[in-house]
Structures are given as structure tokens and as C-alpha cells.
PDB file of all heavy atoms in Angstrom:
ATOM      1  N   SER A   1      -2.669   9.124   2.497  1.00  0.00           N
ATOM      2  CA  SER A   1      -2.099  10.128   1.605  1.00  0.00           C
ATOM      3  C   SER A   1      -1.468  11.263   2.402  1.00  0.00           C
ATOM      4  O   SER A   1      -0.381  11.750   2.064  1.00  0.00           O
ATOM      5  CB  SER A   1      -3.179  10.676   0.669  1.00  0.00           C
ATOM      6  OG  SER A   1      -2.629  11.578  -0.258  1.00  0.00           O
ATOM      7  N   GLU A   2      -2.123  11.658   3.472  1.00  0.00           N
ATOM      8  CA  GLU A   2      -1.568  12.712   4.319  1.00  0.00           C
ATOM      9  C   GLU A   2      -0.270  12.262   4.991  1.00  0.00           C
ATOM     10  O   GLU A   2       0.685  13.032   5.104  1.00  0.00           O
ATOM     11  CB  GLU A   2      -2.597  13.126   5.379  1.00  0.00           C
ATOM     12  CG  GLU A   2      -2.138  14.250   6.293  1.00  0.00           C
ATOM     13  CD  GLU A   2      -1.762  15.514   5.525  1.00  0.00           C
ATOM     14  OE1 GLU A   2      -2.401  15.801   4.498  1.00  0.00           O
ATOM     15  OE2 GLU A   2      -0.822  16.211   5.962  1.00  0.00           O
ATOM     16  N   VAL A   3      -0.239  11.006   5.426  1.00  0.00           N
ATOM     17  CA  VAL A   3       0.989  10.470   6.024  1.00  0.00           C
ATOM     18  C   VAL A   3       2.126  10.472   4.998  1.00  0.00           C
ATOM     19  O   VAL A   3       3.263  10.884   5.288  1.00  0.00           O
ATOM     20  CB  VAL A   3       0.754   9.043   6.557  1.00  0.00           C
ATOM     21  CG1 VAL A   3       2.072   8.382   6.967  1.00  0.00           C
ATOM     22  CG2 VAL A   3      -0.201   9.060   7.736  1.00  0.00           C
ATOM     23  N   ILE A   4       1.823  10.019   3.789  1.00  0.00           N
ATOM     24  CA  ILE A   4       2.841   9.960   2.739  1.00  0.00           C
ATOM     25  C   ILE A   4       3.389  11.354   2.438  1.00  0.00           C
ATOM     26  O   ILE A   4       4.612  11.548   2.315  1.00  0.00           O
ATOM     27  CB  ILE A   4       2.257   9.309   1.469  1.00  0.00           C
ATOM     28  CG1 ILE A   4       1.956   7.824   1.726  1.00  0.00           C
ATOM     29  CG2 ILE A   4       3.220   9.450   0.287  1.00  0.00           C
ATOM     30  CD1 ILE A   4       1.122   7.171   0.633  1.00  0.00           C
ATOM     31  N   LYS A   5       2.512  12.326   2.340  1.00  0.00           N
ATOM     32  CA  LYS A   5       2.939  13.694   2.037  1.00  0.00           C
ATOM     33  C   LYS A   5       3.762  14.279   3.177  1.00  0.00           C
ATOM     34  O   LYS A   5       4.853  14.830   2.969  1.00  0.00           O
ATOM     35  CB  LYS A   5       1.720  14.583   1.789  1.00  0.00           C
ATOM     36  CG  LYS A   5       0.991  14.332   0.497  1.00  0.00           C
ATOM     37  CD  LYS A   5      -0.238  15.243   0.411  1.00  0.00           C
ATOM     38  CE  LYS A   5      -1.053  14.955  -0.824  1.00  0.00           C
ATOM     39  NZ  LYS A   5      -2.310  15.767  -0.878  1.00  0.00           N
ATOM     40  N   SER A   6       3.255  14.186   4.400  1.00  0.00           N
ATOM     41  CA  SER A   6       3.900  14.860   5.530  1.00  0.00           C
ATOM     42  C   SER A   6       5.231  14.235   5.910  1.00  0.00           C
ATOM     43  O   SER A   6       6.093  14.914   6.473  1.00  0.00           O
ATOM     44  CB  SER A   6       2.961  14.871   6.739  1.00  0.00           C
ATOM     45  OG  SER A   6       2.639  13.560   7.142  1.00  0.00           O
ATOM     46  N   HIS A   7       5.424  12.949   5.583  1.00  0.00           N
ATOM     47  CA  HIS A   7       6.673  12.276   5.941  1.00  0.00           C
ATOM     48  C   HIS A   7       7.547  11.972   4.725  1.00  0.00           C
ATOM     49  O   HIS A   7       8.577  11.303   4.864  1.00  0.00           O
ATOM     50  CB  HIS A   7       6.364  10.978   6.688  1.00  0.00           C
ATOM     51  CG  HIS A   7       5.692  11.195   8.015  1.00  0.00           C
ATOM     52  ND1 HIS A   7       6.381  11.509   9.166  1.00  0.00           N
ATOM     53  CD2 HIS A   7       4.373  11.160   8.357  1.00  0.00           C
ATOM     54  CE1 HIS A   7       5.524  11.645  10.167  1.00  0.00           C
ATOM     55  NE2 HIS A   7       4.305  11.440   9.708  1.00  0.00           N
ATOM     56  N   SER A   8       7.171  12.463   3.570  1.00  0.00           N
ATOM     57  CA  SER A   8       7.948  12.264   2.330  1.00  0.00           C
ATOM     58  C   SER A   8       8.281  10.786   2.114  1.00  0.00           C
ATOM     59  O   SER A   8       9.438  10.400   1.913  1.00  0.00           O
ATOM     60  CB  SER A   8       9.234  13.096   2.371  1.00  0.00           C
ATOM     61  OG  SER A   8       8.952  14.474   2.480  1.00  0.00           O
ATOM     62  N   VAL A   9       7.258   9.955   2.170  1.00  0.00           N
ATOM     63  CA  VAL A   9       7.433   8.504   2.039  1.00  0.00           C
ATOM     64  C   VAL A   9       7.857   8.146   0.619  1.00  0.00           C
ATOM     65  O   VAL A   9       7.311   8.677  -0.360  1.00  0.00           O
ATOM     66  CB  VAL A   9       6.125   7.774   2.416  1.00  0.00           C
ATOM     67  CG1 VAL A   9       6.203   6.285   2.076  1.00  0.00           C
ATOM     68  CG2 VAL A   9       5.820   7.970   3.903  1.00  0.00           C
ATOM     69  N   ASP A  10       8.820   7.242   0.513  1.00  0.00           N
ATOM     70  CA  ASP A  10       9.304   6.784  -0.787  1.00  0.00           C
ATOM     71  C   ASP A  10       8.652   5.470  -1.226  1.00  0.00           C
ATOM     72  O   ASP A  10       8.417   5.259  -2.417  1.00  0.00           O
ATOM     73  CB  ASP A  10      10.827   6.577  -0.733  1.00  0.00           C
ATOM     74  CG  ASP A  10      11.563   7.867  -0.473  1.00  0.00           C
ATOM     75  OD1 ASP A  10      11.615   8.708  -1.379  1.00  0.00           O
ATOM     76  OD2 ASP A  10      12.076   8.046   0.654  1.00  0.00           O
ATOM     77  N   ILE A  11       8.419   4.567  -0.272  1.00  0.00           N
ATOM     78  CA  ILE A  11       7.842   3.258  -0.575  1.00  0.00           C
ATOM     79  C   ILE A  11       6.749   2.963   0.442  1.00  0.00           C
ATOM     80  O   ILE A  11       6.949   3.123   1.654  1.00  0.00           O
ATOM     81  CB  ILE A  11       8.898   2.143  -0.520  1.00  0.00           C
ATOM     82  CG1 ILE A  11       9.949   2.333  -1.626  1.00  0.00           C
ATOM     83  CG2 ILE A  11       8.252   0.763  -0.650  1.00  0.00           C
ATOM     84  CD1 ILE A  11      11.083   1.322  -1.561  1.00  0.00           C
ATOM     85  N   VAL A  12       5.590   2.508  -0.052  1.00  0.00           N
ATOM     86  CA  VAL A  12       4.532   1.994   0.812  1.00  0.00           C
ATOM     87  C   VAL A  12       4.494   0.480   0.634  1.00  0.00           C
ATOM     88  O   VAL A  12       4.378  -0.019  -0.488  1.00  0.00           O
ATOM     89  CB  VAL A  12       3.163   2.601   0.459  1.00  0.00           C
ATOM     90  CG1 VAL A  12       2.086   2.027   1.372  1.00  0.00           C
ATOM     91  CG2 VAL A  12       3.198   4.122   0.561  1.00  0.00           C
ATOM     92  N   HIS A  13       4.584  -0.248   1.740  1.00  0.00           N
ATOM     93  CA  HIS A  13       4.622  -1.715   1.718  1.00  0.00           C
ATOM     94  C   HIS A  13       3.394  -2.234   2.453  1.00  0.00           C
ATOM     95  O   HIS A  13       3.277  -2.111   3.674  1.00  0.00           O
ATOM     96  CB  HIS A  13       5.903  -2.205   2.409  1.00  0.00           C
ATOM     97  CG  HIS A  13       6.130  -3.673   2.292  1.00  0.00           C
ATOM     98  ND1 HIS A  13       7.359  -4.261   2.542  1.00  0.00           N
ATOM     99  CD2 HIS A  13       5.304  -4.706   1.967  1.00  0.00           C
ATOM    100  CE1 HIS A  13       7.273  -5.565   2.371  1.00  0.00           C
ATOM    101  NE2 HIS A  13       6.021  -5.853   2.028  1.00  0.00           N
ATOM    102  N   ALA A  14       2.456  -2.810   1.700  1.00  0.00           N
ATOM    103  CA  ALA A  14       1.194  -3.305   2.273  1.00  0.00           C
ATOM    104  C   ALA A  14       1.305  -4.786   2.577  1.00  0.00           C
ATOM    105  O   ALA A  14       1.734  -5.576   1.731  1.00  0.00           O
ATOM    106  CB  ALA A  14       0.044  -3.056   1.323  1.00  0.00           C
ATOM    107  N   ARG A  15       0.869  -5.175   3.767  1.00  0.00           N
ATOM    108  CA  ARG A  15       0.985  -6.561   4.217  1.00  0.00           C
ATOM    109  C   ARG A  15      -0.356  -7.243   4.440  1.00  0.00           C
ATOM    110  O   ARG A  15      -0.409  -8.344   4.970  1.00  0.00           O
ATOM    111  CB  ARG A  15       1.823  -6.612   5.500  1.00  0.00           C
ATOM    112  CG  ARG A  15       3.269  -6.162   5.276  1.00  0.00           C
ATOM    113  CD  ARG A  15       4.128  -6.375   6.497  1.00  0.00           C
ATOM    114  NE  ARG A  15       5.529  -6.071   6.246  1.00  0.00           N
ATOM    115  CZ  ARG A  15       6.404  -6.907   5.708  1.00  0.00           C
ATOM    116  NH1 ARG A  15       6.006  -8.113   5.340  1.00  0.00           N
ATOM    117  NH2 ARG A  15       7.660  -6.556   5.521  1.00  0.00           N
ATOM    118  N   SER A  16      -1.436  -6.616   4.031  1.00  0.00           N
ATOM    119  CA  SER A  16      -2.764  -7.203   4.196  1.00  0.00           C
ATOM    120  C   SER A  16      -3.704  -6.556   3.188  1.00  0.00           C
ATOM    121  O   SER A  16      -3.474  -5.421   2.745  1.00  0.00           O
ATOM    122  CB  SER A  16      -3.262  -6.982   5.627  1.00  0.00           C
ATOM    123  OG  SER A  16      -4.504  -7.608   5.845  1.00  0.00           O
ATOM    124  N   ARG A  17      -4.771  -7.248   2.847  1.00  0.00           N
ATOM    125  CA  ARG A  17      -5.592  -6.830   1.715  1.00  0.00           C
ATOM    126  C   ARG A  17      -6.363  -5.542   1.963  1.00  0.00           C
ATOM    127  O   ARG A  17      -6.324  -4.635   1.115  1.00  0.00           O
ATOM    128  CB  ARG A  17      -6.542  -7.965   1.331  1.00  0.00           C
ATOM    129  CG  ARG A  17      -5.853  -9.152   0.701  1.00  0.00           C
ATOM    130  CD  ARG A  17      -6.762 -10.369   0.646  1.00  0.00           C
ATOM    131  NE  ARG A  17      -7.045 -10.889   1.989  1.00  0.00           N
ATOM    132  CZ  ARG A  17      -7.878 -11.893   2.235  1.00  0.00           C
ATOM    133  NH1 ARG A  17      -8.516 -12.479   1.229  1.00  0.00           N
ATOM    134  NH2 ARG A  17      -8.069 -12.322   3.472  1.00  0.00           N
ATOM    135  N   ALA A  18      -7.095  -5.433   3.061  1.00  0.00           N
ATOM    136  CA  ALA A  18      -7.909  -4.228   3.273  1.00  0.00           C
ATOM    137  C   ALA A  18      -7.043  -2.965   3.308  1.00  0.00           C
ATOM    138  O   ALA A  18      -7.339  -1.995   2.597  1.00  0.00           O
ATOM    139  CB  ALA A  18      -8.733  -4.372   4.543  1.00  0.00           C
ATOM    140  N   PRO A  19      -5.947  -2.927   4.092  1.00  0.00           N
ATOM    141  CA  PRO A  19      -5.093  -1.737   4.039  1.00  0.00           C
ATOM    142  C   PRO A  19      -4.464  -1.511   2.671  1.00  0.00           C
ATOM    143  O   PRO A  19      -4.191  -0.375   2.291  1.00  0.00           O
ATOM    144  CB  PRO A  19      -4.014  -2.025   5.093  1.00  0.00           C
ATOM    145  CG  PRO A  19      -4.566  -3.075   5.966  1.00  0.00           C
ATOM    146  CD  PRO A  19      -5.484  -3.883   5.101  1.00  0.00           C
ATOM    147  N   ALA A  20      -4.234  -2.598   1.920  1.00  0.00           N
ATOM    148  CA  ALA A  20      -3.611  -2.463   0.603  1.00  0.00           C
ATOM    149  C   ALA A  20      -4.490  -1.671  -0.358  1.00  0.00           C
ATOM    150  O   ALA A  20      -3.975  -0.905  -1.187  1.00  0.00           O
ATOM    151  CB  ALA A  20      -3.297  -3.837   0.027  1.00  0.00           C
ATOM    152  N   TRP A  21      -5.811  -1.845  -0.277  1.00  0.00           N
ATOM    153  CA  TRP A  21      -6.697  -1.087  -1.153  1.00  0.00           C
ATOM    154  C   TRP A  21      -6.539   0.417  -0.912  1.00  0.00           C
ATOM    155  O   TRP A  21      -6.484   1.203  -1.866  1.00  0.00           O
ATOM    156  CB  TRP A  21      -8.143  -1.511  -0.932  1.00  0.00           C
ATOM    157  CG  TRP A  21      -8.499  -2.791  -1.622  1.00  0.00           C
ATOM    158  CD1 TRP A  21      -8.582  -4.040  -1.068  1.00  0.00           C
ATOM    159  CD2 TRP A  21      -8.794  -2.953  -3.014  1.00  0.00           C
ATOM    160  NE1 TRP A  21      -8.909  -4.965  -2.032  1.00  0.00           N
ATOM    161  CE2 TRP A  21      -9.042  -4.338  -3.240  1.00  0.00           C
ATOM    162  CE3 TRP A  21      -8.863  -2.069  -4.097  1.00  0.00           C
ATOM    163  CZ2 TRP A  21      -9.364  -4.843  -4.496  1.00  0.00           C
ATOM    164  CZ3 TRP A  21      -9.190  -2.570  -5.356  1.00  0.00           C
ATOM    165  CH2 TRP A  21      -9.434  -3.942  -5.545  1.00  0.00           C
ATOM    166  N   SER A  22      -6.452   0.810   0.343  1.00  0.00           N
ATOM    167  CA  SER A  22      -6.252   2.231   0.656  1.00  0.00           C
ATOM    168  C   SER A  22      -4.842   2.667   0.284  1.00  0.00           C
ATOM    169  O   SER A  22      -4.635   3.756  -0.265  1.00  0.00           O
ATOM    170  CB  SER A  22      -6.485   2.475   2.148  1.00  0.00           C
ATOM    171  OG  SER A  22      -7.747   2.032   2.565  1.00  0.00           O
ATOM    172  N   ALA A  23      -3.868   1.817   0.578  1.00  0.00           N
ATOM    173  CA  ALA A  23      -2.462   2.182   0.387  1.00  0.00           C
ATOM    174  C   ALA A  23      -2.116   2.372  -1.082  1.00  0.00           C
ATOM    175  O   ALA A  23      -1.345   3.274  -1.436  1.00  0.00           O
ATOM    176  CB  ALA A  23      -1.560   1.124   1.014  1.00  0.00           C
ATOM    177  N   LEU A  24      -2.657   1.517  -1.958  1.00  0.00           N
ATOM    178  CA  LEU A  24      -2.351   1.660  -3.377  1.00  0.00           C
ATOM    179  C   LEU A  24      -2.837   3.010  -3.902  1.00  0.00           C
ATOM    180  O   LEU A  24      -2.092   3.728  -4.586  1.00  0.00           O
ATOM    181  CB  LEU A  24      -3.002   0.534  -4.179  1.00  0.00           C
ATOM    182  CG  LEU A  24      -2.884   0.673  -5.700  1.00  0.00           C
ATOM    183  CD1 LEU A  24      -1.426   0.630  -6.138  1.00  0.00           C
ATOM    184  CD2 LEU A  24      -3.698  -0.400  -6.416  1.00  0.00           C
ATOM    185  N   ALA A  25      -4.074   3.371  -3.590  1.00  0.00           N
ATOM    186  CA  ALA A  25      -4.610   4.646  -4.062  1.00  0.00           C
ATOM    187  C   ALA A  25      -3.795   5.818  -3.530  1.00  0.00           C
ATOM    188  O   ALA A  25      -3.477   6.760  -4.270  1.00  0.00           O
ATOM    189  CB  ALA A  25      -6.077   4.780  -3.652  1.00  0.00           C
ATOM    190  N   ALA A  26      -3.439   5.753  -2.247  1.00  0.00           N
ATOM    191  CA  ALA A  26      -2.654   6.841  -1.646  1.00  0.00           C
ATOM    192  C   ALA A  26      -1.261   6.927  -2.260  1.00  0.00           C
ATOM    193  O   ALA A  26      -0.744   8.021  -2.514  1.00  0.00           O
ATOM    194  CB  ALA A  26      -2.560   6.636  -0.137  1.00  0.00           C
ATOM    195  N   ALA A  27      -0.651   5.763  -2.510  1.00  0.00           N
ATOM    196  CA  ALA A  27       0.687   5.746  -3.110  1.00  0.00           C
ATOM    197  C   ALA A  27       0.653   6.327  -4.521  1.00  0.00           C
ATOM    198  O   ALA A  27       1.521   7.123  -4.909  1.00  0.00           O
ATOM    199  CB  ALA A  27       1.240   4.324  -3.129  1.00  0.00           C
ATOM    200  N   ARG A  28      -0.350   5.955  -5.306  1.00  0.00           N
ATOM    201  CA  ARG A  28      -0.441   6.456  -6.667  1.00  0.00           C
ATOM    202  C   ARG A  28      -0.718   7.969  -6.700  1.00  0.00           C
ATOM    203  O   ARG A  28      -0.198   8.695  -7.547  1.00  0.00           O
ATOM    204  CB  ARG A  28      -1.534   5.706  -7.428  1.00  0.00           C
ATOM    205  CG  ARG A  28      -1.252   4.221  -7.621  1.00  0.00           C
ATOM    206  CD  ARG A  28      -0.019   3.999  -8.492  1.00  0.00           C
ATOM    207  NE  ARG A  28       0.227   2.582  -8.744  1.00  0.00           N
ATOM    208  CZ  ARG A  28       1.242   1.884  -8.228  1.00  0.00           C
ATOM    209  NH1 ARG A  28       2.115   2.485  -7.418  1.00  0.00           N
ATOM    210  NH2 ARG A  28       1.393   0.610  -8.522  1.00  0.00           N
ATOM    211  N   GLN A  29      -1.510   8.441  -5.762  1.00  0.00           N
ATOM    212  CA  GLN A  29      -1.778   9.883  -5.686  1.00  0.00           C
ATOM    213  C   GLN A  29      -0.511  10.675  -5.428  1.00  0.00           C
ATOM    214  O   GLN A  29      -0.384  11.834  -5.858  1.00  0.00           O
ATOM    215  CB  GLN A  29      -2.796  10.181  -4.573  1.00  0.00           C
ATOM    216  CG  GLN A  29      -4.223   9.788  -4.887  1.00  0.00           C
ATOM    217  CD  GLN A  29      -5.161  10.029  -3.719  1.00  0.00           C
ATOM    218  OE1 GLN A  29      -4.767  10.619  -2.699  1.00  0.00           O
ATOM    219  NE2 GLN A  29      -6.414   9.587  -3.857  1.00  0.00           N
ATOM    220  N   ASN A  30       0.439  10.055  -4.735  1.00  0.00           N
ATOM    221  CA  ASN A  30       1.657  10.763  -4.329  1.00  0.00           C
ATOM    222  C   ASN A  30       2.901  10.298  -5.072  1.00  0.00           C
ATOM    223  O   ASN A  30       4.021  10.639  -4.697  1.00  0.00           O
ATOM    224  CB  ASN A  30       1.851  10.602  -2.821  1.00  0.00           C
ATOM    225  CG  ASN A  30       0.789  11.325  -2.021  1.00  0.00           C
ATOM    226  OD1 ASN A  30       0.892  12.523  -1.793  1.00  0.00           O
ATOM    227  ND2 ASN A  30      -0.251  10.600  -1.608  1.00  0.00           N
ATOM    228  N   ASN A  31       2.687   9.482  -6.119  1.00  0.00           N
ATOM    229  CA  ASN A  31       3.786   9.071  -6.996  1.00  0.00           C
ATOM    230  C   ASN A  31       4.921   8.396  -6.221  1.00  0.00           C
ATOM    231  O   ASN A  31       6.098   8.694  -6.423  1.00  0.00           O
ATOM    232  CB  ASN A  31       4.332  10.284  -7.773  1.00  0.00           C
ATOM    233  CG  ASN A  31       5.193   9.860  -8.951  1.00  0.00           C
ATOM    234  OD1 ASN A  31       4.956   8.815  -9.563  1.00  0.00           O
ATOM    235  ND2 ASN A  31       6.206  10.659  -9.262  1.00  0.00           N
ATOM    236  N   CYS A  32       4.556   7.479  -5.307  1.00  0.00           N
ATOM    237  CA  CYS A  32       5.599   6.721  -4.624  1.00  0.00           C
ATOM    238  C   CYS A  32       5.411   5.232  -4.905  1.00  0.00           C
ATOM    239  O   CYS A  32       4.369   4.795  -5.379  1.00  0.00           O
ATOM    240  CB  CYS A  32       5.628   7.004  -3.118  1.00  0.00           C
ATOM    241  SG  CYS A  32       4.183   6.493  -2.201  1.00  0.00           S
ATOM    242  N   HIS A  33       6.452   4.464  -4.644  1.00  0.00           N
ATOM    243  CA  HIS A  33       6.457   3.049  -4.968  1.00  0.00           C
ATOM    244  C   HIS A  33       5.507   2.275  -4.054  1.00  0.00           C
ATOM    245  O   HIS A  33       5.284   2.647  -2.899  1.00  0.00           O
ATOM    246  CB  HIS A  33       7.870   2.480  -4.832  1.00  0.00           C
ATOM    247  CG  HIS A  33       8.865   3.142  -5.732  1.00  0.00           C
ATOM    248  ND1 HIS A  33       8.861   2.989  -7.098  1.00  0.00           N
ATOM    249  CD2 HIS A  33       9.915   3.966  -5.447  1.00  0.00           C
ATOM    250  CE1 HIS A  33       9.862   3.676  -7.623  1.00  0.00           C
ATOM    251  NE2 HIS A  33      10.512   4.291  -6.659  1.00  0.00           N
ATOM    252  N   PHE A  34       5.004   1.162  -4.583  1.00  0.00           N
ATOM    253  CA  PHE A  34       4.048   0.333  -3.839  1.00  0.00           C
ATOM    254  C   PHE A  34       4.509  -1.118  -3.886  1.00  0.00           C
ATOM    255  O   PHE A  34       4.786  -1.665  -4.963  1.00  0.00           O
ATOM    256  CB  PHE A  34       2.656   0.465  -4.453  1.00  0.00           C
ATOM    257  CG  PHE A  34       1.573  -0.293  -3.740  1.00  0.00           C
ATOM    258  CD1 PHE A  34       1.272  -0.023  -2.417  1.00  0.00           C
ATOM    259  CD2 PHE A  34       0.846  -1.288  -4.389  1.00  0.00           C
ATOM    260  CE1 PHE A  34       0.259  -0.717  -1.759  1.00  0.00           C
ATOM    261  CE2 PHE A  34      -0.163  -1.979  -3.750  1.00  0.00           C
ATOM    262  CZ  PHE A  34      -0.461  -1.698  -2.420  1.00  0.00           C
ATOM    263  N   VAL A  35       4.632  -1.739  -2.712  1.00  0.00           N
ATOM    264  CA  VAL A  35       5.074  -3.130  -2.563  1.00  0.00           C
ATOM    265  C   VAL A  35       4.013  -3.884  -1.763  1.00  0.00           C
ATOM    266  O   VAL A  35       3.396  -3.317  -0.851  1.00  0.00           O
ATOM    267  CB  VAL A  35       6.436  -3.206  -1.836  1.00  0.00           C
ATOM    268  CG1 VAL A  35       6.849  -4.657  -1.582  1.00  0.00           C
ATOM    269  CG2 VAL A  35       7.510  -2.478  -2.637  1.00  0.00           C
ATOM    270  N   THR A  36       3.777  -5.140  -2.105  1.00  0.00           N
ATOM    271  CA  THR A  36       2.870  -5.976  -1.317  1.00  0.00           C
ATOM    272  C   THR A  36       3.574  -7.260  -0.910  1.00  0.00           C
ATOM    273  O   THR A  36       4.541  -7.680  -1.548  1.00  0.00           O
ATOM    274  CB  THR A  36       1.608  -6.347  -2.119  1.00  0.00           C
ATOM    275  OG1 THR A  36       1.986  -7.101  -3.273  1.00  0.00           O
ATOM    276  CG2 THR A  36       0.836  -5.112  -2.542  1.00  0.00           C
ATOM    277  N   THR A  37       3.083  -7.889   0.144  1.00  0.00           N
ATOM    278  CA  THR A  37       3.557  -9.212   0.547  1.00  0.00           C
ATOM    279  C   THR A  37       2.363 -10.142   0.735  1.00  0.00           C
ATOM    280  O   THR A  37       1.430  -9.827   1.474  1.00  0.00           O
ATOM    281  CB  THR A  37       4.365  -9.167   1.850  1.00  0.00           C
ATOM    282  OG1 THR A  37       5.596  -8.480   1.616  1.00  0.00           O
ATOM    283  CG2 THR A  37       4.698 -10.571   2.336  1.00  0.00           C
ATOM    284  N   PHE A  38       2.403 -11.288   0.044  1.00  0.00           N
ATOM    285  CA  PHE A  38       1.473 -12.382   0.299  1.00  0.00           C
ATOM    286  C   PHE A  38       2.006 -13.162   1.497  1.00  0.00           C
ATOM    287  O   PHE A  38       3.006 -13.868   1.388  1.00  0.00           O
ATOM    288  CB  PHE A  38       1.416 -13.324  -0.915  1.00  0.00           C
ATOM    289  CG  PHE A  38       0.373 -12.984  -1.926  1.00  0.00           C
ATOM    290  CD1 PHE A  38       0.536 -11.897  -2.775  1.00  0.00           C
ATOM    291  CD2 PHE A  38      -0.771 -13.760  -2.056  1.00  0.00           C
ATOM    292  CE1 PHE A  38      -0.416 -11.588  -3.733  1.00  0.00           C
ATOM    293  CE2 PHE A  38      -1.736 -13.458  -3.025  1.00  0.00           C
ATOM    294  CZ  PHE A  38      -1.552 -12.367  -3.854  1.00  0.00           C
ATOM    295  N   HIS A  39       1.338 -13.034   2.641  1.00  0.00           N
ATOM    296  CA  HIS A  39       1.721 -13.803   3.825  1.00  0.00           C
ATOM    297  C   HIS A  39       0.968 -15.132   3.908  1.00  0.00           C
ATOM    298  O   HIS A  39       1.177 -15.893   4.856  1.00  0.00           O
ATOM    299  CB  HIS A  39       1.478 -12.984   5.092  1.00  0.00           C
ATOM    300  CG  HIS A  39       2.454 -11.870   5.286  1.00  0.00           C
ATOM    301  ND1 HIS A  39       3.697 -12.062   5.843  1.00  0.00           N
ATOM    302  CD2 HIS A  39       2.373 -10.557   4.972  1.00  0.00           C
ATOM    303  CE1 HIS A  39       4.343 -10.911   5.886  1.00  0.00           C
ATOM    304  NE2 HIS A  39       3.565  -9.983   5.368  1.00  0.00           N
ATOM    305  N   GLY A  40       0.110 -15.394   2.946  1.00  0.00           N
ATOM    306  CA  GLY A  40      -0.649 -16.632   2.950  1.00  0.00           C
ATOM    307  C   GLY A  40      -1.308 -16.845   1.608  1.00  0.00           C
ATOM    308  O   GLY A  40      -1.184 -16.018   0.697  1.00  0.00           O
ATOM    309  N   THR A  41      -2.007 -17.960   1.487  1.00  0.00           N
ATOM    310  CA  THR A  41      -2.741 -18.260   0.256  1.00  0.00           C
ATOM    311  C   THR A  41      -4.207 -17.951   0.515  1.00  0.00           C
ATOM    312  O   THR A  41      -4.913 -18.729   1.137  1.00  0.00           O
ATOM    313  CB  THR A  41      -2.564 -19.735  -0.137  1.00  0.00           C
ATOM    314  OG1 THR A  41      -2.946 -20.566   0.967  1.00  0.00           O
ATOM    315  CG2 THR A  41      -1.113 -20.022  -0.483  1.00  0.00           C
ATOM    316  N   TYR A  42      -4.646 -16.816   0.066  1.00  0.00           N
ATOM    317  CA  TYR A  42      -6.005 -16.374   0.347  1.00  0.00           C
ATOM    318  C   TYR A  42      -7.022 -17.249  -0.388  1.00  0.00           C
ATOM    319  O   TYR A  42      -6.769 -17.693  -1.507  1.00  0.00           O
ATOM    320  CB  TYR A  42      -6.176 -14.916  -0.085  1.00  0.00           C
ATOM    321  CG  TYR A  42      -5.113 -13.986   0.453  1.00  0.00           C
ATOM    322  CD1 TYR A  42      -4.269 -13.290  -0.404  1.00  0.00           C
ATOM    323  CD2 TYR A  42      -4.943 -13.819   1.828  1.00  0.00           C
ATOM    324  CE1 TYR A  42      -3.292 -12.435   0.086  1.00  0.00           C
ATOM    325  CE2 TYR A  42      -3.974 -12.975   2.328  1.00  0.00           C
ATOM    326  CZ  TYR A  42      -3.141 -12.287   1.447  1.00  0.00           C
ATOM    327  OH  TYR A  42      -2.169 -11.458   1.943  1.00  0.00           O
ATOM    328  N   SER A  43      -8.148 -17.479   0.248  1.00  0.00           N
ATOM    329  CA  SER A  43      -9.206 -18.251  -0.411  1.00  0.00           C
ATOM    330  C   SER A  43      -9.672 -17.498  -1.651  1.00  0.00           C
ATOM    331  O   SER A  43      -9.738 -16.267  -1.669  1.00  0.00           O
ATOM    332  CB  SER A  43     -10.372 -18.481   0.553  1.00  0.00           C
ATOM    333  OG  SER A  43     -10.923 -17.252   0.973  1.00  0.00           O
ATOM    334  N   HIS A  44      -9.987 -18.253  -2.702  1.00  0.00           N
ATOM    335  CA  HIS A  44     -10.273 -17.616  -3.990  1.00  0.00           C
ATOM    336  C   HIS A  44     -11.391 -18.355  -4.730  1.00  0.00           C
ATOM    337  O   HIS A  44     -11.388 -18.448  -5.956  1.00  0.00           O
ATOM    338  CB  HIS A  44      -9.006 -17.601  -4.856  1.00  0.00           C
ATOM    339  CG  HIS A  44      -8.395 -18.969  -5.028  1.00  0.00           C
ATOM    340  ND1 HIS A  44      -7.560 -19.520  -4.078  1.00  0.00           N
ATOM    341  CD2 HIS A  44      -8.511 -19.889  -6.012  1.00  0.00           C
ATOM    342  CE1 HIS A  44      -7.187 -20.723  -4.487  1.00  0.00           C
ATOM    343  NE2 HIS A  44      -7.750 -20.972  -5.651  1.00  0.00           N
ATOM    344  N   GLY A  45     -12.366 -18.851  -3.993  1.00  0.00           N
ATOM    345  CA  GLY A  45     -13.375 -19.723  -4.578  1.00  0.00           C
ATOM    346  C   GLY A  45     -14.437 -19.034  -5.404  1.00  0.00           C
ATOM    347  O   GLY A  45     -15.205 -19.701  -6.096  1.00  0.00           O
TER     348      GLY A  45
END
């Protein structure tokens, strides 16, 4: 959230699950866009 504020970030693009959990909350707090990429088929059993 501090990075987003200090650098006036417009889009946060998360490429992995653990960082994505933090990134989504930070993006929503700062009203900026959020993008994700599935780089694989995660196990879902």
C-alpha cells in the first residue's frame, strides 16, 4: 500500500498467489486496478 501511494501506481499485476493476497488488499485500499496471471494450473484437490 505504501508503494502504491508513494509511486502513484495505476495497475497492480500479481503473478503468484501469496503476493496476490497482499496485492489485492493494497490495490483496493488505494482504488487502483488489479490484474492477475495464471502461469500454471494450480492443484485444487
